[in-house]
Structure formats: C-alpha cells, structure tokens
Amino acid sequence: MKIEKPVIAGKALIPVDVKKGETYYYCACGKSGKQPFCDGSHEGTSFEPLAFTAEKDDTVYLCACKQTKNPPYCDGSHEKL
C-alpha cells in the first residue's frame, strides 16, 4: 500500500487571526486553493482536514509546507526544504 504524502503548498508560515471558540479546518493534504484552510480538495485521498478550536483571540502561525511535526502550527520545517 502506497503512503500518500501531502503537497507542499508553500515554504513559509501563514499568519492567521483566529477568534476564541471558533473551529477552523486546516488543510492537511496541501491541495486546497484556500490555504491554509480546507476547501475539500482532499476528496479521493487518504487525507482529512484537521479541526482545531481557537483558545483565545490571537494570531497563530500555520504550516504551509505540511511537514510540521506540530500540525496545524508551523515548527520551521519549511526551512529544511
């Protein structure tokens, strides 16, 4: 069985303003046209969006390269690509 790898959507972090209590759906496949969020482009793949709920009103830094060890947050993995 072939293990699918995500598409590298970008080689930088994406700052996003989030609102406390709101749930967001992070694109895990890298194919979304609405990065860093899911637009359904994962259909037909083994990927699913990653839901997360903001703990406070804040700016968070989401991963665009899809290689982070701490999804959906950027951990600097893009610097090694």
PDB file of N, CA and C in Angstrom:
ATOM      1  N   MET A   1       0.837  -1.191   0.000  1.00  0.00           N
ATOM      2  CA  MET A   1       0.000   0.000   0.000  1.00  0.00           C
ATOM      3  C   MET A   1       0.879   1.250   0.000  1.00  0.00           C
ATOM      4  N   LYS A   2       0.610   2.147  -0.916  1.00  0.00           N
ATOM      5  CA  LYS A   2       1.382   3.378  -1.032  1.00  0.00           C
ATOM      6  C   LYS A   2       0.898   4.396  -0.012  1.00  0.00           C
ATOM      7  N   ILE A   3       1.843   5.001   0.708  1.00  0.00           N
ATOM      8  CA  ILE A   3       1.500   6.043   1.671  1.00  0.00           C
ATOM      9  C   ILE A   3       1.539   7.386   0.952  1.00  0.00           C
ATOM     10  N   GLU A   4       0.429   8.102   1.010  1.00  0.00           N
ATOM     11  CA  GLU A   4       0.352   9.401   0.353  1.00  0.00           C
ATOM     12  C   GLU A   4       1.120  10.449   1.154  1.00  0.00           C
ATOM     13  N   LYS A   5       1.749  11.353   0.437  1.00  0.00           N
ATOM     14  CA  LYS A   5       2.445  12.469   1.073  1.00  0.00           C
ATOM     15  C   LYS A   5       1.714  13.754   0.697  1.00  0.00           C
ATOM     16  N   PRO A   6       1.660  14.696   1.632  1.00  0.00           N
ATOM     17  CA  PRO A   6       0.982  15.954   1.318  1.00  0.00           C
ATOM     18  C   PRO A   6       1.757  16.777   0.299  1.00  0.00           C
ATOM     19  N   VAL A   7       1.038  17.592  -0.449  1.00  0.00           N
ATOM     20  CA  VAL A   7       1.631  18.537  -1.388  1.00  0.00           C
ATOM     21  C   VAL A   7       2.188  19.705  -0.575  1.00  0.00           C
ATOM     22  N   ILE A   8       3.375  20.171  -0.928  1.00  0.00           N
ATOM     23  CA  ILE A   8       3.940  21.346  -0.265  1.00  0.00           C
ATOM     24  C   ILE A   8       3.247  22.572  -0.866  1.00  0.00           C
ATOM     25  N   ALA A   9       2.387  23.193  -0.073  1.00  0.00           N
ATOM     26  CA  ALA A   9       1.593  24.322  -0.566  1.00  0.00           C
ATOM     27  C   ALA A   9       2.381  25.625  -0.537  1.00  0.00           C
ATOM     28  N   GLY A  10       3.415  25.682   0.279  1.00  0.00           N
ATOM     29  CA  GLY A  10       4.230  26.879   0.392  1.00  0.00           C
ATOM     30  C   GLY A  10       5.418  26.605   1.281  1.00  0.00           C
ATOM     31  N   LYS A  11       6.419  27.478   1.208  1.00  0.00           N
ATOM     32  CA  LYS A  11       7.626  27.299   2.019  1.00  0.00           C
ATOM     33  C   LYS A  11       7.795  28.444   2.996  1.00  0.00           C
ATOM     34  N   ALA A  12       6.681  28.780   3.636  1.00  0.00           N
ATOM     35  CA  ALA A  12       6.674  29.829   4.656  1.00  0.00           C
ATOM     36  C   ALA A  12       5.492  29.571   5.582  1.00  0.00           C
ATOM     37  N   LEU A  13       5.515  30.217   6.724  1.00  0.00           N
ATOM     38  CA  LEU A  13       4.369  30.103   7.631  1.00  0.00           C
ATOM     39  C   LEU A  13       3.269  31.035   7.151  1.00  0.00           C
ATOM     40  N   ILE A  14       2.053  30.790   7.621  1.00  0.00           N
ATOM     41  CA  ILE A  14       0.911  31.628   7.244  1.00  0.00           C
ATOM     42  C   ILE A  14       0.297  32.196   8.528  1.00  0.00           C
ATOM     43  N   PRO A  15       0.428  33.519   8.752  1.00  0.00           N
ATOM     44  CA  PRO A  15      -0.200  34.110   9.935  1.00  0.00           C
ATOM     45  C   PRO A  15      -1.713  34.204   9.735  1.00  0.00           C
ATOM     46  N   VAL A  16      -2.459  33.799  10.756  1.00  0.00           N
ATOM     47  CA  VAL A  16      -3.921  33.807  10.684  1.00  0.00           C
ATOM     48  C   VAL A  16      -4.467  34.360  11.994  1.00  0.00           C
ATOM     49  N   ASP A  17      -5.375  35.330  11.892  1.00  0.00           N
ATOM     50  CA  ASP A  17      -6.065  35.836  13.080  1.00  0.00           C
ATOM     51  C   ASP A  17      -7.232  34.909  13.377  1.00  0.00           C
ATOM     52  N   VAL A  18      -7.253  34.349  14.590  1.00  0.00           N
ATOM     53  CA  VAL A  18      -8.327  33.441  14.997  1.00  0.00           C
ATOM     54  C   VAL A  18      -9.123  34.059  16.134  1.00  0.00           C
ATOM     55  N   LYS A  19     -10.364  33.614  16.249  1.00  0.00           N
ATOM     56  CA  LYS A  19     -11.268  34.113  17.289  1.00  0.00           C
ATOM     57  C   LYS A  19     -11.554  33.014  18.300  1.00  0.00           C
ATOM     58  N   LYS A  20     -11.487  33.350  19.570  1.00  0.00           N
ATOM     59  CA  LYS A  20     -11.733  32.405  20.661  1.00  0.00           C
ATOM     60  C   LYS A  20     -13.035  31.647  20.447  1.00  0.00           C
ATOM     61  N   GLY A  21     -12.957  30.313  20.567  1.00  0.00           N
ATOM     62  CA  GLY A  21     -14.135  29.465  20.482  1.00  0.00           C
ATOM     63  C   GLY A  21     -14.516  29.037  19.073  1.00  0.00           C
ATOM     64  N   GLU A  22     -13.924  29.659  18.040  1.00  0.00           N
ATOM     65  CA  GLU A  22     -14.247  29.272  16.669  1.00  0.00           C
ATOM     66  C   GLU A  22     -13.414  28.067  16.258  1.00  0.00           C
ATOM     67  N   THR A  23     -14.037  27.183  15.473  1.00  0.00           N
ATOM     68  CA  THR A  23     -13.345  25.996  14.971  1.00  0.00           C
ATOM     69  C   THR A  23     -12.923  26.251  13.533  1.00  0.00           C
ATOM     70  N   TYR A  24     -11.683  25.857  13.237  1.00  0.00           N
ATOM     71  CA  TYR A  24     -11.089  26.038  11.916  1.00  0.00           C
ATOM     72  C   TYR A  24     -10.684  24.674  11.378  1.00  0.00           C
ATOM     73  N   TYR A  25     -10.659  24.538  10.069  1.00  0.00           N
ATOM     74  CA  TYR A  25     -10.322  23.261   9.426  1.00  0.00           C
ATOM     75  C   TYR A  25      -9.081  23.450   8.560  1.00  0.00           C
ATOM     76  N   TYR A  26      -7.952  23.008   9.103  1.00  0.00           N
ATOM     77  CA  TYR A  26      -6.646  23.130   8.465  1.00  0.00           C
ATOM     78  C   TYR A  26      -6.497  22.091   7.354  1.00  0.00           C
ATOM     79  N   CYS A  27      -6.003  22.528   6.205  1.00  0.00           N
ATOM     80  CA  CYS A  27      -5.748  21.628   5.080  1.00  0.00           C
ATOM     81  C   CYS A  27      -4.517  20.781   5.380  1.00  0.00           C
ATOM     82  N   ALA A  28      -4.688  19.472   5.423  1.00  0.00           N
ATOM     83  CA  ALA A  28      -3.572  18.559   5.681  1.00  0.00           C
ATOM     84  C   ALA A  28      -2.969  18.000   4.395  1.00  0.00           C
ATOM     85  N   CYS A  29      -3.706  18.079   3.284  1.00  0.00           N
ATOM     86  CA  CYS A  29      -3.237  17.468   2.031  1.00  0.00           C
ATOM     87  C   CYS A  29      -2.357  18.403   1.207  1.00  0.00           C
ATOM     88  N   GLY A  30      -2.516  19.713   1.404  1.00  0.00           N
ATOM     89  CA  GLY A  30      -1.755  20.694   0.648  1.00  0.00           C
ATOM     90  C   GLY A  30      -2.373  21.085  -0.677  1.00  0.00           C
ATOM     91  N   LYS A  31      -3.512  20.517  -1.031  1.00  0.00           N
ATOM     92  CA  LYS A  31      -4.128  20.768  -2.340  1.00  0.00           C
ATOM     93  C   LYS A  31      -5.151  21.898  -2.341  1.00  0.00           C
ATOM     94  N   SER A  32      -5.547  22.364  -1.175  1.00  0.00           N
ATOM     95  CA  SER A  32      -6.587  23.390  -1.087  1.00  0.00           C
ATOM     96  C   SER A  32      -6.167  24.674  -1.790  1.00  0.00           C
ATOM     97  N   GLY A  33      -7.096  25.303  -2.444  1.00  0.00           N
ATOM     98  CA  GLY A  33      -6.878  26.606  -3.039  1.00  0.00           C
ATOM     99  C   GLY A  33      -7.102  27.736  -2.053  1.00  0.00           C
ATOM    100  N   LYS A  34      -7.484  27.384  -0.824  1.00  0.00           N
ATOM    101  CA  LYS A  34      -7.755  28.374   0.219  1.00  0.00           C
ATOM    102  C   LYS A  34      -6.798  28.179   1.400  1.00  0.00           C
ATOM    103  N   GLN A  35      -5.530  27.935   1.115  1.00  0.00           N
ATOM    104  CA  GLN A  35      -4.534  27.693   2.159  1.00  0.00           C
ATOM    105  C   GLN A  35      -4.556  28.778   3.217  1.00  0.00           C
ATOM    106  N   PRO A  36      -4.424  28.420   4.485  1.00  0.00           N
ATOM    107  CA  PRO A  36      -4.087  27.098   4.998  1.00  0.00           C
ATOM    108  C   PRO A  36      -5.316  26.257   5.347  1.00  0.00           C
ATOM    109  N   PHE A  37      -6.485  26.692   4.870  1.00  0.00           N
ATOM    110  CA  PHE A  37      -7.720  26.012   5.252  1.00  0.00           C
ATOM    111  C   PHE A  37      -8.218  25.062   4.169  1.00  0.00           C
ATOM    112  N   CYS A  38      -9.011  24.102   4.582  1.00  0.00           N
ATOM    113  CA  CYS A  38      -9.549  23.071   3.699  1.00  0.00           C
ATOM    114  C   CYS A  38     -10.627  23.639   2.790  1.00  0.00           C
ATOM    115  N   ASP A  39     -10.605  23.219   1.520  1.00  0.00           N
ATOM    116  CA  ASP A  39     -11.682  23.558   0.587  1.00  0.00           C
ATOM    117  C   ASP A  39     -12.294  22.301  -0.030  1.00  0.00           C
ATOM    118  N   GLY A  40     -11.947  21.119   0.543  1.00  0.00           N
ATOM    119  CA  GLY A  40     -12.498  19.865   0.042  1.00  0.00           C
ATOM    120  C   GLY A  40     -11.645  19.181  -1.009  1.00  0.00           C
ATOM    121  N   SER A  41     -10.499  19.760  -1.344  1.00  0.00           N
ATOM    122  CA  SER A  41      -9.642  19.191  -2.393  1.00  0.00           C
ATOM    123  C   SER A  41      -9.054  17.829  -2.025  1.00  0.00           C
ATOM    124  N   HIS A  42      -9.156  17.437  -0.762  1.00  0.00           N
ATOM    125  CA  HIS A  42      -8.634  16.129  -0.319  1.00  0.00           C
ATOM    126  C   HIS A  42      -9.538  14.974  -0.738  1.00  0.00           C
ATOM    127  N   GLU A  43     -10.731  15.258  -1.246  1.00  0.00           N
ATOM    128  CA  GLU A  43     -11.658  14.187  -1.633  1.00  0.00           C
ATOM    129  C   GLU A  43     -10.953  13.192  -2.553  1.00  0.00           C
ATOM    130  N   GLY A  44     -11.095  11.922  -2.255  1.00  0.00           N
ATOM    131  CA  GLY A  44     -10.473  10.873  -3.049  1.00  0.00           C
ATOM    132  C   GLY A  44      -9.054  10.531  -2.595  1.00  0.00           C
ATOM    133  N   THR A  45      -8.590  11.177  -1.518  1.00  0.00           N
ATOM    134  CA  THR A  45      -7.272  10.881  -0.966  1.00  0.00           C
ATOM    135  C   THR A  45      -7.452  10.289   0.426  1.00  0.00           C
ATOM    136  N   SER A  46      -6.353   9.945   1.069  1.00  0.00           N
ATOM    137  CA  SER A  46      -6.417   9.426   2.440  1.00  0.00           C
ATOM    138  C   SER A  46      -6.387  10.556   3.473  1.00  0.00           C
ATOM    139  N   PHE A  47      -6.329  11.805   3.019  1.00  0.00           N
ATOM    140  CA  PHE A  47      -6.226  12.942   3.934  1.00  0.00           C
ATOM    141  C   PHE A  47      -7.585  13.427   4.404  1.00  0.00           C
ATOM    142  N   GLU A  48      -7.593  13.986   5.605  1.00  0.00           N
ATOM    143  CA  GLU A  48      -8.765  14.628   6.184  1.00  0.00           C
ATOM    144  C   GLU A  48      -8.305  15.966   6.748  1.00  0.00           C
ATOM    145  N   PRO A  49      -9.165  16.980   6.745  1.00  0.00           N
ATOM    146  CA  PRO A  49      -8.778  18.249   7.363  1.00  0.00           C
ATOM    147  C   PRO A  49      -8.602  18.069   8.864  1.00  0.00           C
ATOM    148  N   LEU A  50      -7.760  18.904   9.447  1.00  0.00           N
ATOM    149  CA  LEU A  50      -7.517  18.871  10.885  1.00  0.00           C
ATOM    150  C   LEU A  50      -8.300  20.003  11.527  1.00  0.00           C
ATOM    151  N   ALA A  51      -9.297  19.654  12.334  1.00  0.00           N
ATOM    152  CA  ALA A  51     -10.098  20.665  13.026  1.00  0.00           C
ATOM    153  C   ALA A  51      -9.373  21.117  14.287  1.00  0.00           C
ATOM    154  N   PHE A  52      -9.378  22.434  14.510  1.00  0.00           N
ATOM    155  CA  PHE A  52      -8.851  22.955  15.775  1.00  0.00           C
ATOM    156  C   PHE A  52      -9.696  24.156  16.185  1.00  0.00           C
ATOM    157  N   THR A  53      -9.813  24.341  17.493  1.00  0.00           N
ATOM    158  CA  THR A  53     -10.611  25.425  18.042  1.00  0.00           C
ATOM    159  C   THR A  53      -9.685  26.415  18.735  1.00  0.00           C
ATOM    160  N   ALA A  54      -9.843  27.684  18.398  1.00  0.00           N
ATOM    161  CA  ALA A  54      -9.005  28.730  18.979  1.00  0.00           C
ATOM    162  C   ALA A  54      -9.303  28.874  20.469  1.00  0.00           C
ATOM    163  N   GLU A  55      -8.245  28.888  21.268  1.00  0.00           N
ATOM    164  CA  GLU A  55      -8.386  29.032  22.716  1.00  0.00           C
ATOM    165  C   GLU A  55      -8.550  30.488  23.138  1.00  0.00           C
ATOM    166  N   LYS A  56      -8.100  31.412  22.261  1.00  0.00           N
ATOM    167  CA  LYS A  56      -8.224  32.844  22.545  1.00  0.00           C
ATOM    168  C   LYS A  56      -8.135  33.601  21.227  1.00  0.00           C
ATOM    169  N   ASP A  57      -8.554  34.860  21.242  1.00  0.00           N
ATOM    170  CA  ASP A  57      -8.347  35.727  20.082  1.00  0.00           C
ATOM    171  C   ASP A  57      -6.839  35.912  19.955  1.00  0.00           C
ATOM    172  N   ASP A  58      -6.290  35.589  18.790  1.00  0.00           N
ATOM    173  CA  ASP A  58      -4.843  35.597  18.671  1.00  0.00           C
ATOM    174  C   ASP A  58      -4.446  35.543  17.197  1.00  0.00           C
ATOM    175  N   THR A  59      -3.175  35.773  16.929  1.00  0.00           N
ATOM    176  CA  THR A  59      -2.596  35.486  15.629  1.00  0.00           C
ATOM    177  C   THR A  59      -1.795  34.209  15.790  1.00  0.00           C
ATOM    178  N   VAL A  60      -2.120  33.192  15.001  1.00  0.00           N
ATOM    179  CA  VAL A  60      -1.384  31.924  15.036  1.00  0.00           C
ATOM    180  C   VAL A  60      -0.657  31.763  13.710  1.00  0.00           C
ATOM    181  N   TYR A  61       0.386  30.951  13.727  1.00  0.00           N
ATOM    182  CA  TYR A  61       1.217  30.763  12.547  1.00  0.00           C
ATOM    183  C   TYR A  61       1.074  29.323  12.082  1.00  0.00           C
ATOM    184  N   LEU A  62       0.358  29.146  10.964  1.00  0.00           N
ATOM    185  CA  LEU A  62       0.030  27.816  10.467  1.00  0.00           C
ATOM    186  C   LEU A  62       1.024  27.376   9.398  1.00  0.00           C
ATOM    187  N   CYS A  63       1.213  26.074   9.318  1.00  0.00           N
ATOM    188  CA  CYS A  63       2.172  25.463   8.407  1.00  0.00           C
ATOM    189  C   CYS A  63       1.619  25.412   6.986  1.00  0.00           C
ATOM    190  N   ALA A  64       2.431  25.872   6.024  1.00  0.00           N
ATOM    191  CA  ALA A  64       2.052  25.779   4.612  1.00  0.00           C
ATOM    192  C   ALA A  64       2.758  24.617   3.923  1.00  0.00           C
ATOM    193  N   CYS A  65       3.896  24.188   4.466  1.00  0.00           N
ATOM    194  CA  CYS A  65       4.664  23.132   3.790  1.00  0.00           C
ATOM    195  C   CYS A  65       4.129  21.731   4.098  1.00  0.00           C
ATOM    196  N   LYS A  66       3.283  21.628   5.117  1.00  0.00           N
ATOM    197  CA  LYS A  66       2.641  20.366   5.517  1.00  0.00           C
ATOM    198  C   LYS A  66       3.640  19.343   6.063  1.00  0.00           C
ATOM    199  N   GLN A  67       4.826  19.802   6.472  1.00  0.00           N
ATOM    200  CA  GLN A  67       5.850  18.909   7.006  1.00  0.00           C
ATOM    201  C   GLN A  67       6.015  19.080   8.516  1.00  0.00           C
ATOM    202  N   THR A  68       5.272  19.986   9.138  1.00  0.00           N
ATOM    203  CA  THR A  68       5.405  20.261  10.566  1.00  0.00           C
ATOM    204  C   THR A  68       5.173  19.008  11.409  1.00  0.00           C
ATOM    205  N   LYS A  69       5.851  18.953  12.523  1.00  0.00           N
ATOM    206  CA  LYS A  69       5.643  17.865  13.482  1.00  0.00           C
ATOM    207  C   LYS A  69       4.569  18.251  14.496  1.00  0.00           C
ATOM    208  N   ASN A  70       4.040  19.485  14.384  1.00  0.00           N
ATOM    209  CA  ASN A  70       3.049  20.001  15.324  1.00  0.00           C
ATOM    210  C   ASN A  70       1.872  20.636  14.573  1.00  0.00           C
ATOM    211  N   PRO A  71       1.194  19.850  13.701  1.00  0.00           N
ATOM    212  CA  PRO A  71       0.109  20.449  12.913  1.00  0.00           C
ATOM    213  C   PRO A  71      -1.033  20.937  13.799  1.00  0.00           C
ATOM    214  N   PRO A  72      -1.642  22.037  13.435  1.00  0.00           N
ATOM    215  CA  PRO A  72      -1.506  22.803  12.203  1.00  0.00           C
ATOM    216  C   PRO A  72      -0.434  23.893  12.269  1.00  0.00           C
ATOM    217  N   TYR A  73       0.292  23.962  13.388  1.00  0.00           N
ATOM    218  CA  TYR A  73       1.200  25.081  13.620  1.00  0.00           C
ATOM    219  C   TYR A  73       2.566  24.868  12.965  1.00  0.00           C
ATOM    220  N   CYS A  74       3.139  25.975  12.481  1.00  0.00           N
ATOM    221  CA  CYS A  74       4.458  25.954  11.874  1.00  0.00           C
ATOM    222  C   CYS A  74       5.506  25.651  12.936  1.00  0.00           C
ATOM    223  N   ASP A  75       6.431  24.749  12.610  1.00  0.00           N
ATOM    224  CA  ASP A  75       7.560  24.471  13.510  1.00  0.00           C
ATOM    225  C   ASP A  75       8.900  24.756  12.831  1.00  0.00           C
ATOM    226  N   GLY A  76       8.849  25.459  11.696  1.00  0.00           N
ATOM    227  CA  GLY A  76      10.075  25.805  10.975  1.00  0.00           C
ATOM    228  C   GLY A  76      10.551  24.752  10.005  1.00  0.00           C
ATOM    229  N   SER A  77       9.791  23.682   9.814  1.00  0.00           N
ATOM    230  CA  SER A  77      10.201  22.596   8.897  1.00  0.00           C
ATOM    231  C   SER A  77      10.440  23.096   7.482  1.00  0.00           C
ATOM    232  N   HIS A  78       9.757  24.167   7.076  1.00  0.00           N
ATOM    233  CA  HIS A  78       9.918  24.703   5.720  1.00  0.00           C
ATOM    234  C   HIS A  78      11.348  25.175   5.462  1.00  0.00           C
ATOM    235  N   GLU A  79      12.080  25.493   6.516  1.00  0.00           N
ATOM    236  CA  GLU A  79      13.455  25.963   6.349  1.00  0.00           C
ATOM    237  C   GLU A  79      14.398  24.857   5.896  1.00  0.00           C
ATOM    238  N   LYS A  80      13.961  23.604   6.002  1.00  0.00           N
ATOM    239  CA  LYS A  80      14.786  22.448   5.621  1.00  0.00           C
ATOM    240  C   LYS A  80      14.444  21.911   4.236  1.00  0.00           C
ATOM    241  N   LEU A  81      13.477  22.555   3.560  1.00  0.00           N
ATOM    242  CA  LEU A  81      13.050  22.065   2.237  1.00  0.00           C
ATOM    243  C   LEU A  81      13.899  22.635   1.124  1.00  0.00           C
TER     244      LEU A  81
END
